[in-house]
């Protein structure tokens, strides 16, 4: 069993195609592409923490259908675009605004929003968040796990940590 993180999938939300310049020709292709990428990365027995903005726009039955198609035990950290249909959808193992968990011995503070400071920051705790779609300059120990900066699929902690190291390397 592995633990993955993602955010800002915006299933059913046409704004994601315009504002985030996602490489899909239309909303159906967007949703199907994200579902395929999710299921390629996540095994049925894995855990996924979705850090908000799961879906906006589709009717409740479509949200439930998308959620049922996604592999893994799914936990939702609520985002500003998660409406009542998303929050009430069956298929979430938990729904809350904030969580503190440990993965691979590392303390993690999970919220849809990036923090300036957080519990355990001085002891190495990381802040994982979404909301900014990769447009916010991160503070040390802070990572945007949304689909825009992380490649359209949920990612594990090693890939999250490696993402900062890749950006810090000078180009050859």
C-alpha atoms as a PDB file:
ATOM      1  CA  UNK A   1       0.000   0.000   0.000  1.00  0.00           C
ATOM      2  CA  UNK A   2       1.326   3.394  -1.021  1.00  0.00           C
ATOM      3  CA  UNK A   3       0.142   6.888  -0.079  1.00  0.00           C
ATOM      4  CA  UNK A   4      -0.417   9.472  -2.821  1.00  0.00           C
ATOM      5  CA  UNK A   5      -1.368  13.141  -2.905  1.00  0.00           C
ATOM      6  CA  UNK A   6      -3.105  15.320  -5.470  1.00  0.00           C
ATOM      7  CA  UNK A   7      -5.273  18.443  -5.696  1.00  0.00           C
ATOM      8  CA  UNK A   8      -7.132  20.689  -8.107  1.00  0.00           C
ATOM      9  CA  UNK A   9      -8.450  18.050 -10.501  1.00  0.00           C
ATOM     10  CA  UNK A  10     -11.476  20.267 -11.207  1.00  0.00           C
ATOM     11  CA  UNK A  11     -13.462  17.444 -12.804  1.00  0.00           C
ATOM     12  CA  UNK A  12     -16.320  18.904 -14.857  1.00  0.00           C
ATOM     13  CA  UNK A  13     -14.976  22.460 -14.586  1.00  0.00           C
ATOM     14  CA  UNK A  14     -14.378  24.110 -17.994  1.00  0.00           C
ATOM     15  CA  UNK A  15     -12.346  26.900 -16.347  1.00  0.00           C
ATOM     16  CA  UNK A  16      -9.472  24.443 -15.807  1.00  0.00           C
ATOM     17  CA  UNK A  17      -8.967  24.247 -19.572  1.00  0.00           C
ATOM     18  CA  UNK A  18      -8.840  28.034 -19.960  1.00  0.00           C
ATOM     19  CA  UNK A  19      -7.078  29.265 -16.842  1.00  0.00           C
ATOM     20  CA  UNK A  20      -4.596  26.460 -16.424  1.00  0.00           C
ATOM     21  CA  UNK A  21      -4.005  25.744 -20.122  1.00  0.00           C
ATOM     22  CA  UNK A  22      -4.361  22.013 -19.583  1.00  0.00           C
ATOM     23  CA  UNK A  23      -3.473  19.998 -22.699  1.00  0.00           C
ATOM     24  CA  UNK A  24      -6.897  18.534 -23.424  1.00  0.00           C
ATOM     25  CA  UNK A  25      -9.137  19.438 -26.385  1.00  0.00           C
ATOM     26  CA  UNK A  26     -12.359  19.492 -24.344  1.00  0.00           C
ATOM     27  CA  UNK A  27     -13.780  18.825 -20.905  1.00  0.00           C
ATOM     28  CA  UNK A  28     -14.636  15.167 -21.581  1.00  0.00           C
ATOM     29  CA  UNK A  29     -11.056  14.490 -22.686  1.00  0.00           C
ATOM     30  CA  UNK A  30      -9.807  16.369 -19.607  1.00  0.00           C
ATOM     31  CA  UNK A  31     -11.851  14.281 -17.199  1.00  0.00           C
ATOM     32  CA  UNK A  32     -11.042  10.986 -18.926  1.00  0.00           C
ATOM     33  CA  UNK A  33      -7.338  11.905 -19.106  1.00  0.00           C
ATOM     34  CA  UNK A  34      -7.174  12.662 -15.396  1.00  0.00           C
ATOM     35  CA  UNK A  35      -9.032   9.439 -14.533  1.00  0.00           C
ATOM     36  CA  UNK A  36      -6.631   7.400 -16.684  1.00  0.00           C
ATOM     37  CA  UNK A  37      -3.550   9.095 -15.188  1.00  0.00           C
ATOM     38  CA  UNK A  38      -4.895   8.575 -11.650  1.00  0.00           C
ATOM     39  CA  UNK A  39      -5.555   4.881 -12.228  1.00  0.00           C
ATOM     40  CA  UNK A  40      -2.151   4.370 -13.872  1.00  0.00           C
ATOM     41  CA  UNK A  41      -0.441   5.780 -10.751  1.00  0.00           C
ATOM     42  CA  UNK A  42      -2.684   4.420  -7.991  1.00  0.00           C
ATOM     43  CA  UNK A  43      -3.360   0.758  -7.202  1.00  0.00           C
ATOM     44  CA  UNK A  44      -6.764  -0.222  -5.802  1.00  0.00           C
ATOM     45  CA  UNK A  45      -5.306  -0.776  -2.298  1.00  0.00           C
ATOM     46  CA  UNK A  46      -3.403   2.538  -2.151  1.00  0.00           C
ATOM     47  CA  UNK A  47      -4.442   5.645  -0.214  1.00  0.00           C
ATOM     48  CA  UNK A  48      -4.994   9.002  -1.935  1.00  0.00           C
ATOM     49  CA  UNK A  49      -5.298  12.338  -0.171  1.00  0.00           C
ATOM     50  CA  UNK A  50      -7.043  14.806  -2.496  1.00  0.00           C
ATOM     51  CA  UNK A  51      -6.272  18.301  -1.224  1.00  0.00           C
ATOM     52  CA  UNK A  52      -9.324  20.059  -2.583  1.00  0.00           C
ATOM     53  CA  UNK A  53     -11.130  21.240  -5.686  1.00  0.00           C
ATOM     54  CA  UNK A  54     -12.098  17.757  -6.803  1.00  0.00           C
ATOM     55  CA  UNK A  55     -15.020  18.759  -9.046  1.00  0.00           C
ATOM     56  CA  UNK A  56     -17.098  21.786  -9.925  1.00  0.00           C
ATOM     57  CA  UNK A  57     -20.103  21.760 -12.190  1.00  0.00           C
ATOM     58  CA  UNK A  58     -21.124  18.174 -12.850  1.00  0.00           C
ATOM     59  CA  UNK A  59     -24.356  16.857 -11.324  1.00  0.00           C
ATOM     60  CA  UNK A  60     -24.091  14.725  -8.163  1.00  0.00           C
ATOM     61  CA  UNK A  61     -24.452  11.447 -10.053  1.00  0.00           C
ATOM     62  CA  UNK A  62     -21.512  12.352 -12.352  1.00  0.00           C
ATOM     63  CA  UNK A  63     -19.329  13.260  -9.362  1.00  0.00           C
ATOM     64  CA  UNK A  64     -20.182   9.922  -7.727  1.00  0.00           C
ATOM     65  CA  UNK A  65     -19.456   8.078 -10.996  1.00  0.00           C
ATOM     66  CA  UNK A  66     -16.018   9.735 -11.358  1.00  0.00           C
ATOM     67  CA  UNK A  67     -15.166   9.018  -7.729  1.00  0.00           C
ATOM     68  CA  UNK A  68     -16.174   5.359  -8.120  1.00  0.00           C
ATOM     69  CA  UNK A  69     -13.895   4.963 -11.154  1.00  0.00           C
ATOM     70  CA  UNK A  70     -10.794   6.204  -9.309  1.00  0.00           C
ATOM     71  CA  UNK A  71      -8.534   3.630  -7.650  1.00  0.00           C
ATOM     72  CA  UNK A  72      -7.634   3.750  -3.997  1.00  0.00           C
ATOM     73  CA  UNK A  73      -9.051   4.725  -0.647  1.00  0.00           C
ATOM     74  CA  UNK A  74      -9.827   8.398  -1.151  1.00  0.00           C
ATOM     75  CA  UNK A  75      -9.682  11.141   1.494  1.00  0.00           C
ATOM     76  CA  UNK A  76     -10.813  14.686   0.706  1.00  0.00           C
ATOM     77  CA  UNK A  77      -9.353  17.816   2.211  1.00  0.00           C
ATOM     78  CA  UNK A  78     -11.983  20.354   1.187  1.00  0.00           C
ATOM     79  CA  UNK A  79     -11.204  23.158  -1.233  1.00  0.00           C
ATOM     80  CA  UNK A  80     -12.997  26.369  -2.083  1.00  0.00           C
ATOM     81  CA  UNK A  81     -14.603  24.796  -5.181  1.00  0.00           C
ATOM     82  CA  UNK A  82     -15.888  21.633  -3.503  1.00  0.00           C
ATOM     83  CA  UNK A  83     -19.645  22.042  -3.338  1.00  0.00           C
ATOM     84  CA  UNK A  84     -22.283  20.029  -1.485  1.00  0.00           C
ATOM     85  CA  UNK A  85     -22.427  17.323  -4.188  1.00  0.00           C
ATOM     86  CA  UNK A  86     -18.681  16.670  -3.878  1.00  0.00           C
ATOM     87  CA  UNK A  87     -18.746  16.691  -0.086  1.00  0.00           C
ATOM     88  CA  UNK A  88     -21.725  14.318   0.067  1.00  0.00           C
ATOM     89  CA  UNK A  89     -20.526  11.895  -2.621  1.00  0.00           C
ATOM     90  CA  UNK A  90     -20.204   8.318  -1.484  1.00  0.00           C
ATOM     91  CA  UNK A  91     -16.704   7.016  -1.982  1.00  0.00           C
ATOM     92  CA  UNK A  92     -14.772   9.310   0.326  1.00  0.00           C
ATOM     93  CA  UNK A  93     -13.146   7.535   3.289  1.00  0.00           C
ATOM     94  CA  UNK A  94     -13.057  10.924   5.036  1.00  0.00           C
ATOM     95  CA  UNK A  95     -13.912  14.563   4.318  1.00  0.00           C
ATOM     96  CA  UNK A  96     -12.358  17.375   6.353  1.00  0.00           C
ATOM     97  CA  UNK A  97     -10.730  20.785   5.995  1.00  0.00           C
ATOM     98  CA  UNK A  98      -7.338  19.908   7.481  1.00  0.00           C
ATOM     99  CA  UNK A  99      -5.259  16.909   8.507  1.00  0.00           C
ATOM    100  CA  UNK A 100      -1.959  16.118  10.147  1.00  0.00           C
ATOM    101  CA  UNK A 101      -0.576  12.710   9.203  1.00  0.00           C
ATOM    102  CA  UNK A 102       2.766  10.908   9.044  1.00  0.00           C
ATOM    103  CA  UNK A 103       4.002   9.150   5.907  1.00  0.00           C
ATOM    104  CA  UNK A 104       7.329   7.331   5.733  1.00  0.00           C
ATOM    105  CA  UNK A 105       8.241   8.815   9.122  1.00  0.00           C
ATOM    106  CA  UNK A 106       7.638  12.377   7.925  1.00  0.00           C
ATOM    107  CA  UNK A 107       5.067  14.687   9.553  1.00  0.00           C
ATOM    108  CA  UNK A 108       2.738  16.250   6.979  1.00  0.00           C
ATOM    109  CA  UNK A 109       0.246  19.074   7.363  1.00  0.00           C
ATOM    110  CA  UNK A 110      -2.454  18.847   4.694  1.00  0.00           C
ATOM    111  CA  UNK A 111      -4.737  21.697   3.633  1.00  0.00           C
ATOM    112  CA  UNK A 112      -6.110  23.009   0.367  1.00  0.00           C
ATOM    113  CA  UNK A 113      -4.343  26.306   1.051  1.00  0.00           C
ATOM    114  CA  UNK A 114      -0.636  27.045   1.435  1.00  0.00           C
ATOM    115  CA  UNK A 115       0.393  28.223   4.888  1.00  0.00           C
ATOM    116  CA  UNK A 116       2.971  30.772   5.997  1.00  0.00           C
ATOM    117  CA  UNK A 117       3.681  28.619   9.038  1.00  0.00           C
ATOM    118  CA  UNK A 118       2.249  25.342  10.346  1.00  0.00           C
ATOM    119  CA  UNK A 119       2.401  22.902  13.213  1.00  0.00           C
ATOM    120  CA  UNK A 120       5.760  21.147  13.377  1.00  0.00           C
ATOM    121  CA  UNK A 121       7.528  23.379  10.826  1.00  0.00           C
ATOM    122  CA  UNK A 122      10.533  23.677  13.158  1.00  0.00           C
ATOM    123  CA  UNK A 123      10.685  19.885  13.526  1.00  0.00           C
ATOM    124  CA  UNK A 124      10.665  19.164   9.779  1.00  0.00           C
ATOM    125  CA  UNK A 125       6.931  18.879   9.099  1.00  0.00           C
ATOM    126  CA  UNK A 126       5.979  19.574   5.498  1.00  0.00           C
ATOM    127  CA  UNK A 127       2.957  21.549   4.284  1.00  0.00           C
ATOM    128  CA  UNK A 128       1.277  19.884   1.302  1.00  0.00           C
ATOM    129  CA  UNK A 129      -1.385  21.975  -0.424  1.00  0.00           C
ATOM    130  CA  UNK A 130      -3.221  22.733  -3.635  1.00  0.00           C
ATOM    131  CA  UNK A 131      -5.176  25.850  -4.672  1.00  0.00           C
ATOM    132  CA  UNK A 132      -2.355  27.781  -6.353  1.00  0.00           C
ATOM    133  CA  UNK A 133      -2.052  25.566  -9.479  1.00  0.00           C
ATOM    134  CA  UNK A 134       1.742  25.822  -9.378  1.00  0.00           C
ATOM    135  CA  UNK A 135       1.738  29.625  -9.544  1.00  0.00           C
ATOM    136  CA  UNK A 136       2.809  30.340  -5.957  1.00  0.00           C
ATOM    137  CA  UNK A 137       6.495  30.465  -5.066  1.00  0.00           C
ATOM    138  CA  UNK A 138       6.811  27.850  -2.327  1.00  0.00           C
ATOM    139  CA  UNK A 139       8.394  28.350   1.037  1.00  0.00           C
ATOM    140  CA  UNK A 140      10.914  25.774   2.250  1.00  0.00           C
ATOM    141  CA  UNK A 141       9.169  22.548   3.353  1.00  0.00           C
ATOM    142  CA  UNK A 142       6.043  23.463   1.348  1.00  0.00           C
ATOM    143  CA  UNK A 143       4.781  21.654  -1.755  1.00  0.00           C
ATOM    144  CA  UNK A 144       1.895  22.239  -4.156  1.00  0.00           C
ATOM    145  CA  UNK A 145       0.667  18.729  -4.976  1.00  0.00           C
ATOM    146  CA  UNK A 146      -1.928  19.849  -7.529  1.00  0.00           C
ATOM    147  CA  UNK A 147      -2.225  18.220 -10.928  1.00  0.00           C
ATOM    148  CA  UNK A 148      -0.822  21.275 -12.708  1.00  0.00           C
ATOM    149  CA  UNK A 149       2.662  21.260 -11.114  1.00  0.00           C
ATOM    150  CA  UNK A 150       2.772  17.482 -10.506  1.00  0.00           C
ATOM    151  CA  UNK A 151       1.853  16.074 -13.917  1.00  0.00           C
ATOM    152  CA  UNK A 152      -1.888  15.239 -13.813  1.00  0.00           C
ATOM    153  CA  UNK A 153      -1.633  12.203 -11.526  1.00  0.00           C
ATOM    154  CA  UNK A 154      -1.415  11.612  -7.777  1.00  0.00           C
ATOM    155  CA  UNK A 155       2.170  11.421  -6.519  1.00  0.00           C
ATOM    156  CA  UNK A 156       3.932   9.833  -3.563  1.00  0.00           C
ATOM    157  CA  UNK A 157       6.132  11.581  -1.049  1.00  0.00           C
ATOM    158  CA  UNK A 158       9.437  10.618  -2.756  1.00  0.00           C
ATOM    159  CA  UNK A 159       8.259  12.232  -6.031  1.00  0.00           C
ATOM    160  CA  UNK A 160       7.069  15.318  -4.154  1.00  0.00           C
ATOM    161  CA  UNK A 161      10.451  15.758  -2.482  1.00  0.00           C
ATOM    162  CA  UNK A 162      12.292  15.085  -5.760  1.00  0.00           C
ATOM    163  CA  UNK A 163      10.238  17.769  -7.534  1.00  0.00           C
ATOM    164  CA  UNK A 164      11.982  20.501  -5.557  1.00  0.00           C
ATOM    165  CA  UNK A 165      15.422  19.004  -6.113  1.00  0.00           C
ATOM    166  CA  UNK A 166      14.826  18.846  -9.889  1.00  0.00           C
ATOM    167  CA  UNK A 167      13.884  22.532  -9.990  1.00  0.00           C
ATOM    168  CA  UNK A 168      16.924  23.511  -7.936  1.00  0.00           C
ATOM    169  CA  UNK A 169      19.418  21.922 -10.342  1.00  0.00           C
ATOM    170  CA  UNK A 170      21.096  24.196 -12.861  1.00  0.00           C
ATOM    171  CA  UNK A 171      20.464  23.352 -16.528  1.00  0.00           C
ATOM    172  CA  UNK A 172      23.309  21.628 -18.367  1.00  0.00           C
END
